[in-house]
């Protein structure tokens, strides 16, 4: 008697596994490409220009102050609301 090497249940499971892995890879690639918020962009920009950064946390309120010779940025977060103030010292 010959053994049948084709098992339809295994082939279906392989297909589902491949589809699941593909979906996971797509989800990871899309979440890694998210846009930065204005706050994150400003912090990166100021750190790159060598700004002096001061952070203050008080309960649910946080304040970030960054200062260079020609620019000052203040970021205040309170109750989920973000306020950004930018002063150019020109």
PDB file of N, CA and C in Angstrom:
ATOM      1  N   UNK A   1       0.807  -1.175   0.000  1.00  0.00           N
ATOM      2  CA  UNK A   1       0.000   0.000   0.000  1.00  0.00           C
ATOM      3  C   UNK A   1       0.861   1.254   0.000  1.00  0.00           C
ATOM      4  N   UNK A   2       0.490   2.246  -0.769  1.00  0.00           N
ATOM      5  CA  UNK A   2       1.202   3.509  -0.822  1.00  0.00           C
ATOM      6  C   UNK A   2       0.664   4.455   0.243  1.00  0.00           C
ATOM      7  N   UNK A   3       1.589   5.213   0.830  1.00  0.00           N
ATOM      8  CA  UNK A   3       1.163   6.232   1.786  1.00  0.00           C
ATOM      9  C   UNK A   3       0.882   7.516   1.026  1.00  0.00           C
ATOM     10  N   UNK A   4      -0.144   8.205   1.440  1.00  0.00           N
ATOM     11  CA  UNK A   4      -0.491   9.475   0.829  1.00  0.00           C
ATOM     12  C   UNK A   4       0.230  10.585   1.607  1.00  0.00           C
ATOM     13  N   UNK A   5       1.160  11.276   0.960  1.00  0.00           N
ATOM     14  CA  UNK A   5       1.937  12.315   1.627  1.00  0.00           C
ATOM     15  C   UNK A   5       1.216  13.658   1.643  1.00  0.00           C
ATOM     16  N   UNK A   6       0.185  13.814   0.908  1.00  0.00           N
ATOM     17  CA  UNK A   6      -0.561  15.065   0.863  1.00  0.00           C
ATOM     18  C   UNK A   6      -1.619  15.047   1.955  1.00  0.00           C
ATOM     19  N   UNK A   7      -1.511  15.951   2.889  1.00  0.00           N
ATOM     20  CA  UNK A   7      -2.483  16.067   3.969  1.00  0.00           C
ATOM     21  C   UNK A   7      -3.131  17.449   3.856  1.00  0.00           C
ATOM     22  N   UNK A   8      -4.389  17.512   3.432  1.00  0.00           N
ATOM     23  CA  UNK A   8      -5.037  18.811   3.209  1.00  0.00           C
ATOM     24  C   UNK A   8      -5.119  19.675   4.477  1.00  0.00           C
ATOM     25  N   UNK A   9      -5.247  19.075   5.643  1.00  0.00           N
ATOM     26  CA  UNK A   9      -5.323  19.867   6.867  1.00  0.00           C
ATOM     27  C   UNK A   9      -4.000  20.578   7.145  1.00  0.00           C
ATOM     28  N   UNK A  10      -2.886  19.899   6.887  1.00  0.00           N
ATOM     29  CA  UNK A  10      -1.580  20.522   7.089  1.00  0.00           C
ATOM     30  C   UNK A  10      -1.373  21.672   6.112  1.00  0.00           C
ATOM     31  N   UNK A  11      -1.797  21.482   4.878  1.00  0.00           N
ATOM     32  CA  UNK A  11      -1.638  22.530   3.864  1.00  0.00           C
ATOM     33  C   UNK A  11      -2.469  23.757   4.217  1.00  0.00           C
ATOM     34  N   UNK A  12      -3.660  23.552   4.733  1.00  0.00           N
ATOM     35  CA  UNK A  12      -4.513  24.675   5.131  1.00  0.00           C
ATOM     36  C   UNK A  12      -3.878  25.415   6.305  1.00  0.00           C
ATOM     37  N   UNK A  13      -3.340  24.677   7.276  1.00  0.00           N
ATOM     38  CA  UNK A  13      -2.702  25.296   8.433  1.00  0.00           C
ATOM     39  C   UNK A  13      -1.454  26.087   8.013  1.00  0.00           C
ATOM     40  N   UNK A  14      -0.694  25.560   7.057  1.00  0.00           N
ATOM     41  CA  UNK A  14       0.469  26.280   6.564  1.00  0.00           C
ATOM     42  C   UNK A  14       0.044  27.595   5.918  1.00  0.00           C
ATOM     43  N   UNK A  15      -1.034  27.548   5.160  1.00  0.00           N
ATOM     44  CA  UNK A  15      -1.542  28.747   4.502  1.00  0.00           C
ATOM     45  C   UNK A  15      -1.957  29.787   5.534  1.00  0.00           C
ATOM     46  N   UNK A  16      -2.689  29.367   6.566  1.00  0.00           N
ATOM     47  CA  UNK A  16      -3.116  30.292   7.616  1.00  0.00           C
ATOM     48  C   UNK A  16      -1.910  30.851   8.370  1.00  0.00           C
ATOM     49  N   UNK A  17      -0.915  30.035   8.626  1.00  0.00           N
ATOM     50  CA  UNK A  17       0.277  30.486   9.317  1.00  0.00           C
ATOM     51  C   UNK A  17       1.017  31.532   8.481  1.00  0.00           C
ATOM     52  N   UNK A  18       1.154  31.279   7.207  1.00  0.00           N
ATOM     53  CA  UNK A  18       1.825  32.235   6.322  1.00  0.00           C
ATOM     54  C   UNK A  18       1.054  33.552   6.256  1.00  0.00           C
ATOM     55  N   UNK A  19      -0.279  33.470   6.164  1.00  0.00           N
ATOM     56  CA  UNK A  19      -1.095  34.684   6.115  1.00  0.00           C
ATOM     57  C   UNK A  19      -0.984  35.463   7.426  1.00  0.00           C
ATOM     58  N   UNK A  20      -0.952  34.769   8.540  1.00  0.00           N
ATOM     59  CA  UNK A  20      -0.817  35.416   9.841  1.00  0.00           C
ATOM     60  C   UNK A  20       0.518  36.126   9.989  1.00  0.00           C
ATOM     61  N   UNK A  21       1.588  35.465   9.582  1.00  0.00           N
ATOM     62  CA  UNK A  21       2.913  36.085   9.640  1.00  0.00           C
ATOM     63  C   UNK A  21       3.000  37.301   8.723  1.00  0.00           C
ATOM     64  N   UNK A  22       2.409  37.208   7.557  1.00  0.00           N
ATOM     65  CA  UNK A  22       2.401  38.334   6.627  1.00  0.00           C
ATOM     66  C   UNK A  22       1.629  39.509   7.218  1.00  0.00           C
ATOM     67  N   UNK A  23       0.484  39.238   7.835  1.00  0.00           N
ATOM     68  CA  UNK A  23      -0.309  40.302   8.453  1.00  0.00           C
ATOM     69  C   UNK A  23       0.457  40.953   9.600  1.00  0.00           C
ATOM     70  N   UNK A  24       1.173  40.166  10.394  1.00  0.00           N
ATOM     71  CA  UNK A  24       1.970  40.692  11.496  1.00  0.00           C
ATOM     72  C   UNK A  24       3.096  41.580  10.974  1.00  0.00           C
ATOM     73  N   UNK A  25       3.759  41.161   9.935  1.00  0.00           N
ATOM     74  CA  UNK A  25       4.835  41.958   9.350  1.00  0.00           C
ATOM     75  C   UNK A  25       4.305  43.281   8.807  1.00  0.00           C
ATOM     76  N   UNK A  26       3.150  43.258   8.166  1.00  0.00           N
ATOM     77  CA  UNK A  26       2.553  44.487   7.637  1.00  0.00           C
ATOM     78  C   UNK A  26       2.179  45.428   8.775  1.00  0.00           C
ATOM     79  N   UNK A  27       1.602  44.902   9.833  1.00  0.00           N
ATOM     80  CA  UNK A  27       1.207  45.735  10.970  1.00  0.00           C
ATOM     81  C   UNK A  27       2.427  46.389  11.608  1.00  0.00           C
ATOM     82  N   UNK A  28       3.503  45.640  11.775  1.00  0.00           N
ATOM     83  CA  UNK A  28       4.719  46.203  12.361  1.00  0.00           C
ATOM     84  C   UNK A  28       5.338  47.271  11.473  1.00  0.00           C
ATOM     85  N   UNK A  29       5.328  47.050  10.181  1.00  0.00           N
ATOM     86  CA  UNK A  29       5.935  48.030   9.286  1.00  0.00           C
ATOM     87  C   UNK A  29       5.126  49.322   9.248  1.00  0.00           C
ATOM     88  N   UNK A  30       3.821  49.241   9.346  1.00  0.00           N
ATOM     89  CA  UNK A  30       2.996  50.444   9.317  1.00  0.00           C
ATOM     90  C   UNK A  30       3.103  51.235  10.618  1.00  0.00           C
ATOM     91  N   UNK A  31       3.216  50.567  11.749  1.00  0.00           N
ATOM     92  CA  UNK A  31       3.316  51.291  13.011  1.00  0.00           C
ATOM     93  C   UNK A  31       4.693  51.903  13.200  1.00  0.00           C
ATOM     94  N   UNK A  32       5.715  51.365  12.584  1.00  0.00           N
ATOM     95  CA  UNK A  32       7.049  51.930  12.734  1.00  0.00           C
ATOM     96  C   UNK A  32       7.218  53.190  11.887  1.00  0.00           C
ATOM     97  N   UNK A  33       6.335  53.450  10.968  1.00  0.00           N
ATOM     98  CA  UNK A  33       6.434  54.612  10.083  1.00  0.00           C
ATOM     99  C   UNK A  33       5.528  55.767  10.515  1.00  0.00           C
ATOM    100  N   UNK A  34       5.088  55.755  11.751  1.00  0.00           N
ATOM    101  CA  UNK A  34       4.161  56.801  12.180  1.00  0.00           C
ATOM    102  C   UNK A  34       4.861  58.153  12.208  1.00  0.00           C
ATOM    103  N   UNK A  35       4.091  59.194  12.047  1.00  0.00           N
ATOM    104  CA  UNK A  35       4.612  60.553  12.060  1.00  0.00           C
ATOM    105  C   UNK A  35       4.896  60.992  13.482  1.00  0.00           C
ATOM    106  N   UNK A  36       5.914  61.809  13.642  1.00  0.00           N
ATOM    107  CA  UNK A  36       6.211  62.378  14.947  1.00  0.00           C
ATOM    108  C   UNK A  36       5.279  63.560  15.201  1.00  0.00           C
ATOM    109  N   UNK A  37       4.942  63.765  16.462  1.00  0.00           N
ATOM    110  CA  UNK A  37       4.127  64.910  16.817  1.00  0.00           C
ATOM    111  C   UNK A  37       4.975  66.172  16.762  1.00  0.00           C
ATOM    112  N   UNK A  38       4.328  67.326  16.812  1.00  0.00           N
ATOM    113  CA  UNK A  38       5.050  68.596  16.776  1.00  0.00           C
ATOM    114  C   UNK A  38       5.989  68.705  17.974  1.00  0.00           C
ATOM    115  N   UNK A  39       5.544  68.203  19.120  1.00  0.00           N
ATOM    116  CA  UNK A  39       6.365  68.215  20.333  1.00  0.00           C
ATOM    117  C   UNK A  39       7.645  67.412  20.117  1.00  0.00           C
ATOM    118  N   UNK A  40       7.515  66.192  19.592  1.00  0.00           N
ATOM    119  CA  UNK A  40       8.679  65.336  19.368  1.00  0.00           C
ATOM    120  C   UNK A  40       9.638  65.958  18.361  1.00  0.00           C
ATOM    121  N   UNK A  41       9.087  66.579  17.309  1.00  0.00           N
ATOM    122  CA  UNK A  41       9.929  67.218  16.295  1.00  0.00           C
ATOM    123  C   UNK A  41      10.723  68.366  16.895  1.00  0.00           C
ATOM    124  N   UNK A  42      10.053  69.196  17.728  1.00  0.00           N
ATOM    125  CA  UNK A  42      10.741  70.317  18.356  1.00  0.00           C
ATOM    126  C   UNK A  42      11.834  69.856  19.315  1.00  0.00           C
ATOM    127  N   UNK A  43      11.549  68.832  20.100  1.00  0.00           N
ATOM    128  CA  UNK A  43      12.547  68.315  21.039  1.00  0.00           C
ATOM    129  C   UNK A  43      13.763  67.789  20.277  1.00  0.00           C
ATOM    130  N   UNK A  44      13.547  67.024  19.216  1.00  0.00           N
ATOM    131  CA  UNK A  44      14.659  66.501  18.411  1.00  0.00           C
ATOM    132  C   UNK A  44      15.474  67.634  17.789  1.00  0.00           C
ATOM    133  N   UNK A  45      14.769  68.643  17.261  1.00  0.00           N
ATOM    134  CA  UNK A  45      15.438  69.778  16.614  1.00  0.00           C
ATOM    135  C   UNK A  45      16.288  70.557  17.619  1.00  0.00           C
ATOM    136  N   UNK A  46      15.730  70.804  18.797  1.00  0.00           N
ATOM    137  CA  UNK A  46      16.460  71.578  19.803  1.00  0.00           C
ATOM    138  C   UNK A  46      17.644  70.786  20.369  1.00  0.00           C
ATOM    139  N   UNK A  47      17.477  69.489  20.579  1.00  0.00           N
ATOM    140  CA  UNK A  47      18.591  68.669  21.058  1.00  0.00           C
ATOM    141  C   UNK A  47      19.710  68.611  20.030  1.00  0.00           C
ATOM    142  N   UNK A  48      19.340  68.574  18.752  1.00  0.00           N
ATOM    143  CA  UNK A  48      20.345  68.534  17.686  1.00  0.00           C
ATOM    144  C   UNK A  48      21.131  69.838  17.621  1.00  0.00           C
ATOM    145  N   UNK A  49      20.504  70.956  17.998  1.00  0.00           N
ATOM    146  CA  UNK A  49      21.205  72.242  17.967  1.00  0.00           C
ATOM    147  C   UNK A  49      21.918  72.537  19.284  1.00  0.00           C
ATOM    148  N   UNK A  50      21.940  71.563  20.197  1.00  0.00           N
ATOM    149  CA  UNK A  50      22.691  71.708  21.439  1.00  0.00           C
ATOM    150  C   UNK A  50      22.000  72.546  22.491  1.00  0.00           C
ATOM    151  N   UNK A  51      20.690  72.473  22.564  1.00  0.00           N
ATOM    152  CA  UNK A  51      19.932  73.276  23.518  1.00  0.00           C
ATOM    153  C   UNK A  51      20.089  72.769  24.942  1.00  0.00           C
ATOM    154  N   UNK A  52      19.969  73.697  25.883  1.00  0.00           N
ATOM    155  CA  UNK A  52      19.934  73.358  27.302  1.00  0.00           C
ATOM    156  C   UNK A  52      18.491  72.966  27.618  1.00  0.00           C
ATOM    157  N   UNK A  53      18.283  71.738  28.108  1.00  0.00           N
ATOM    158  CA  UNK A  53      16.942  71.212  28.337  1.00  0.00           C
ATOM    159  C   UNK A  53      16.687  71.100  29.839  1.00  0.00           C
ATOM    160  N   UNK A  54      15.561  71.677  30.271  1.00  0.00           N
ATOM    161  CA  UNK A  54      15.142  71.577  31.673  1.00  0.00           C
ATOM    162  C   UNK A  54      13.746  70.973  31.698  1.00  0.00           C
ATOM    163  N   UNK A  55      13.560  69.935  32.507  1.00  0.00           N
ATOM    164  CA  UNK A  55      12.250  69.291  32.641  1.00  0.00           C
ATOM    165  C   UNK A  55      11.774  69.410  34.071  1.00  0.00           C
ATOM    166  N   UNK A  56      10.465  69.632  34.215  1.00  0.00           N
ATOM    167  CA  UNK A  56       9.864  69.739  35.544  1.00  0.00           C
ATOM    168  C   UNK A  56       8.551  68.963  35.519  1.00  0.00           C
ATOM    169  N   UNK A  57       8.399  68.058  36.482  1.00  0.00           N
ATOM    170  CA  UNK A  57       7.187  67.251  36.572  1.00  0.00           C
ATOM    171  C   UNK A  57       6.521  67.500  37.919  1.00  0.00           C
ATOM    172  N   UNK A  58       5.237  67.798  37.895  1.00  0.00           N
ATOM    173  CA  UNK A  58       4.488  68.054  39.111  1.00  0.00           C
ATOM    174  C   UNK A  58       3.121  67.387  38.979  1.00  0.00           C
ATOM    175  N   UNK A  59       2.999  66.178  39.514  1.00  0.00           N
ATOM    176  CA  UNK A  59       1.733  65.447  39.401  1.00  0.00           C
ATOM    177  C   UNK A  59       1.471  65.061  37.963  1.00  0.00           C
ATOM    178  N   UNK A  60       0.320  65.496  37.428  1.00  0.00           N
ATOM    179  CA  UNK A  60      -0.021  65.188  36.034  1.00  0.00           C
ATOM    180  C   UNK A  60       0.402  66.298  35.084  1.00  0.00           C
ATOM    181  N   UNK A  61       1.138  67.268  35.594  1.00  0.00           N
ATOM    182  CA  UNK A  61       1.604  68.389  34.783  1.00  0.00           C
ATOM    183  C   UNK A  61       3.099  68.255  34.535  1.00  0.00           C
ATOM    184  N   UNK A  62       3.526  68.471  33.300  1.00  0.00           N
ATOM    185  CA  UNK A  62       4.959  68.457  33.005  1.00  0.00           C
ATOM    186  C   UNK A  62       5.305  69.656  32.138  1.00  0.00           C
ATOM    187  N   UNK A  63       6.487  70.212  32.405  1.00  0.00           N
ATOM    188  CA  UNK A  63       6.971  71.364  31.651  1.00  0.00           C
ATOM    189  C   UNK A  63       8.367  71.052  31.139  1.00  0.00           C
ATOM    190  N   UNK A  64       8.605  71.416  29.892  1.00  0.00           N
ATOM    191  CA  UNK A  64       9.927  71.248  29.283  1.00  0.00           C
ATOM    192  C   UNK A  64      10.343  72.609  28.735  1.00  0.00           C
ATOM    193  N   UNK A  65      11.533  73.040  29.113  1.00  0.00           N
ATOM    194  CA  UNK A  65      12.063  74.310  28.630  1.00  0.00           C
ATOM    195  C   UNK A  65      13.389  74.035  27.962  1.00  0.00           C
ATOM    196  N   UNK A  66      13.510  74.460  26.707  1.00  0.00           N
ATOM    197  CA  UNK A  66      14.734  74.266  25.943  1.00  0.00           C
ATOM    198  C   UNK A  66      15.188  75.614  25.415  1.00  0.00           C
ATOM    199  N   UNK A  67      16.484  75.873  25.516  1.00  0.00           N
ATOM    200  CA  UNK A  67      16.978  77.195  25.161  1.00  0.00           C
ATOM    201  C   UNK A  67      18.323  77.116  24.454  1.00  0.00           C
ATOM    202  N   UNK A  68      18.411  77.831  23.331  1.00  0.00           N
ATOM    203  CA  UNK A  68      19.688  78.040  22.648  1.00  0.00           C
ATOM    204  C   UNK A  68      19.906  79.546  22.591  1.00  0.00           C
ATOM    205  N   UNK A  69      20.984  79.960  21.951  1.00  0.00           N
ATOM    206  CA  UNK A  69      21.272  81.398  21.853  1.00  0.00           C
ATOM    207  C   UNK A  69      20.204  82.153  21.079  1.00  0.00           C
ATOM    208  N   UNK A  70      19.625  81.519  20.073  1.00  0.00           N
ATOM    209  CA  UNK A  70      18.681  82.232  19.216  1.00  0.00           C
ATOM    210  C   UNK A  70      17.237  81.725  19.280  1.00  0.00           C
ATOM    211  N   UNK A  71      16.954  80.749  20.140  1.00  0.00           N
ATOM    212  CA  UNK A  71      15.593  80.201  20.181  1.00  0.00           C
ATOM    213  C   UNK A  71      15.277  79.653  21.572  1.00  0.00           C
ATOM    214  N   UNK A  72      14.033  79.860  22.001  1.00  0.00           N
ATOM    215  CA  UNK A  72      13.576  79.336  23.283  1.00  0.00           C
ATOM    216  C   UNK A  72      12.227  78.645  23.070  1.00  0.00           C
ATOM    217  N   UNK A  73      12.116  77.412  23.549  1.00  0.00           N
ATOM    218  CA  UNK A  73      10.885  76.632  23.382  1.00  0.00           C
ATOM    219  C   UNK A  73      10.401  76.182  24.748  1.00  0.00           C
ATOM    220  N   UNK A  74       9.105  76.391  25.005  1.00  0.00           N
ATOM    221  CA  UNK A  74       8.485  75.931  26.242  1.00  0.00           C
ATOM    222  C   UNK A  74       7.317  75.019  25.866  1.00  0.00           C
ATOM    223  N   UNK A  75       7.295  73.839  26.472  1.00  0.00           N
ATOM    224  CA  UNK A  75       6.232  72.874  26.224  1.00  0.00           C
ATOM    225  C   UNK A  75       5.587  72.544  27.565  1.00  0.00           C
ATOM    226  N   UNK A  76       4.276  72.710  27.638  1.00  0.00           N
ATOM    227  CA  UNK A  76       3.546  72.441  28.878  1.00  0.00           C
ATOM    228  C   UNK A  76       2.441  71.433  28.581  1.00  0.00           C
ATOM    229  N   UNK A  77       2.425  70.341  29.343  1.00  0.00           N
ATOM    230  CA  UNK A  77       1.381  69.323  29.205  1.00  0.00           C
ATOM    231  C   UNK A  77       0.598  69.259  30.506  1.00  0.00           C
ATOM    232  N   UNK A  78      -0.716  69.407  30.379  1.00  0.00           N
ATOM    233  CA  UNK A  78      -1.571  69.367  31.551  1.00  0.00           C
ATOM    234  C   UNK A  78      -2.925  68.784  31.158  1.00  0.00           C
ATOM    235  N   UNK A  79      -3.338  67.775  31.879  1.00  0.00           N
ATOM    236  CA  UNK A  79      -4.632  67.114  31.635  1.00  0.00           C
ATOM    237  C   UNK A  79      -4.789  66.652  30.187  1.00  0.00           C
ATOM    238  N   UNK A  80      -3.716  66.124  29.591  1.00  0.00           N
ATOM    239  CA  UNK A  80      -3.769  65.607  28.226  1.00  0.00           C
ATOM    240  C   UNK A  80      -3.707  66.677  27.157  1.00  0.00           C
ATOM    241  N   UNK A  81      -3.589  67.933  27.554  1.00  0.00           N
ATOM    242  CA  UNK A  81      -3.518  69.039  26.608  1.00  0.00           C
ATOM    243  C   UNK A  81      -2.085  69.550  26.542  1.00  0.00           C
ATOM    244  N   UNK A  82      -1.577  69.785  25.335  1.00  0.00           N
ATOM    245  CA  UNK A  82      -0.203  70.238  25.142  1.00  0.00           C
ATOM    246  C   UNK A  82      -0.204  71.659  24.604  1.00  0.00           C
ATOM    247  N   UNK A  83       0.574  72.520  25.278  1.00  0.00           N
ATOM    248  CA  UNK A  83       0.740  73.906  24.826  1.00  0.00           C
ATOM    249  C   UNK A  83       2.207  74.112  24.499  1.00  0.00           C
ATOM    250  N   UNK A  84       2.469  74.691  23.316  1.00  0.00           N
ATOM    251  CA  UNK A  84       3.837  74.906  22.855  1.00  0.00           C
ATOM    252  C   UNK A  84       4.039  76.391  22.584  1.00  0.00           C
ATOM    253  N   UNK A  85       5.124  76.938  23.131  1.00  0.00           N
ATOM    254  CA  UNK A  85       5.450  78.341  22.918  1.00  0.00           C
ATOM    255  C   UNK A  85       6.875  78.417  22.382  1.00  0.00           C
ATOM    256  N   UNK A  86       7.054  79.105  21.238  1.00  0.00           N
ATOM    257  CA  UNK A  86       8.363  79.234  20.617  1.00  0.00           C
ATOM    258  C   UNK A  86       8.698  80.714  20.507  1.00  0.00           C
ATOM    259  N   UNK A  87       9.842  81.102  21.058  1.00  0.00           N
ATOM    260  CA  UNK A  87      10.331  82.494  20.963  1.00  0.00           C
ATOM    261  C   UNK A  87      11.654  82.491  20.227  1.00  0.00           C
ATOM    262  N   UNK A  88      11.742  83.327  19.197  1.00  0.00           N
ATOM    263  CA  UNK A  88      13.016  83.516  18.498  1.00  0.00           C
ATOM    264  C   UNK A  88      13.675  84.758  19.059  1.00  0.00           C
ATOM    265  N   UNK A  89      14.891  84.635  19.553  1.00  0.00           N
ATOM    266  CA  UNK A  89      15.605  85.745  20.180  1.00  0.00           C
ATOM    267  C   UNK A  89      16.428  86.522  19.161  1.00  0.00           C
ATOM    268  N   UNK A  90      15.816  86.961  18.106  1.00  0.00           N
ATOM    269  CA  UNK A  90      16.532  87.709  17.071  1.00  0.00           C
ATOM    270  C   UNK A  90      16.344  89.176  17.249  1.00  0.00           C
TER     271      UNK A  90
END
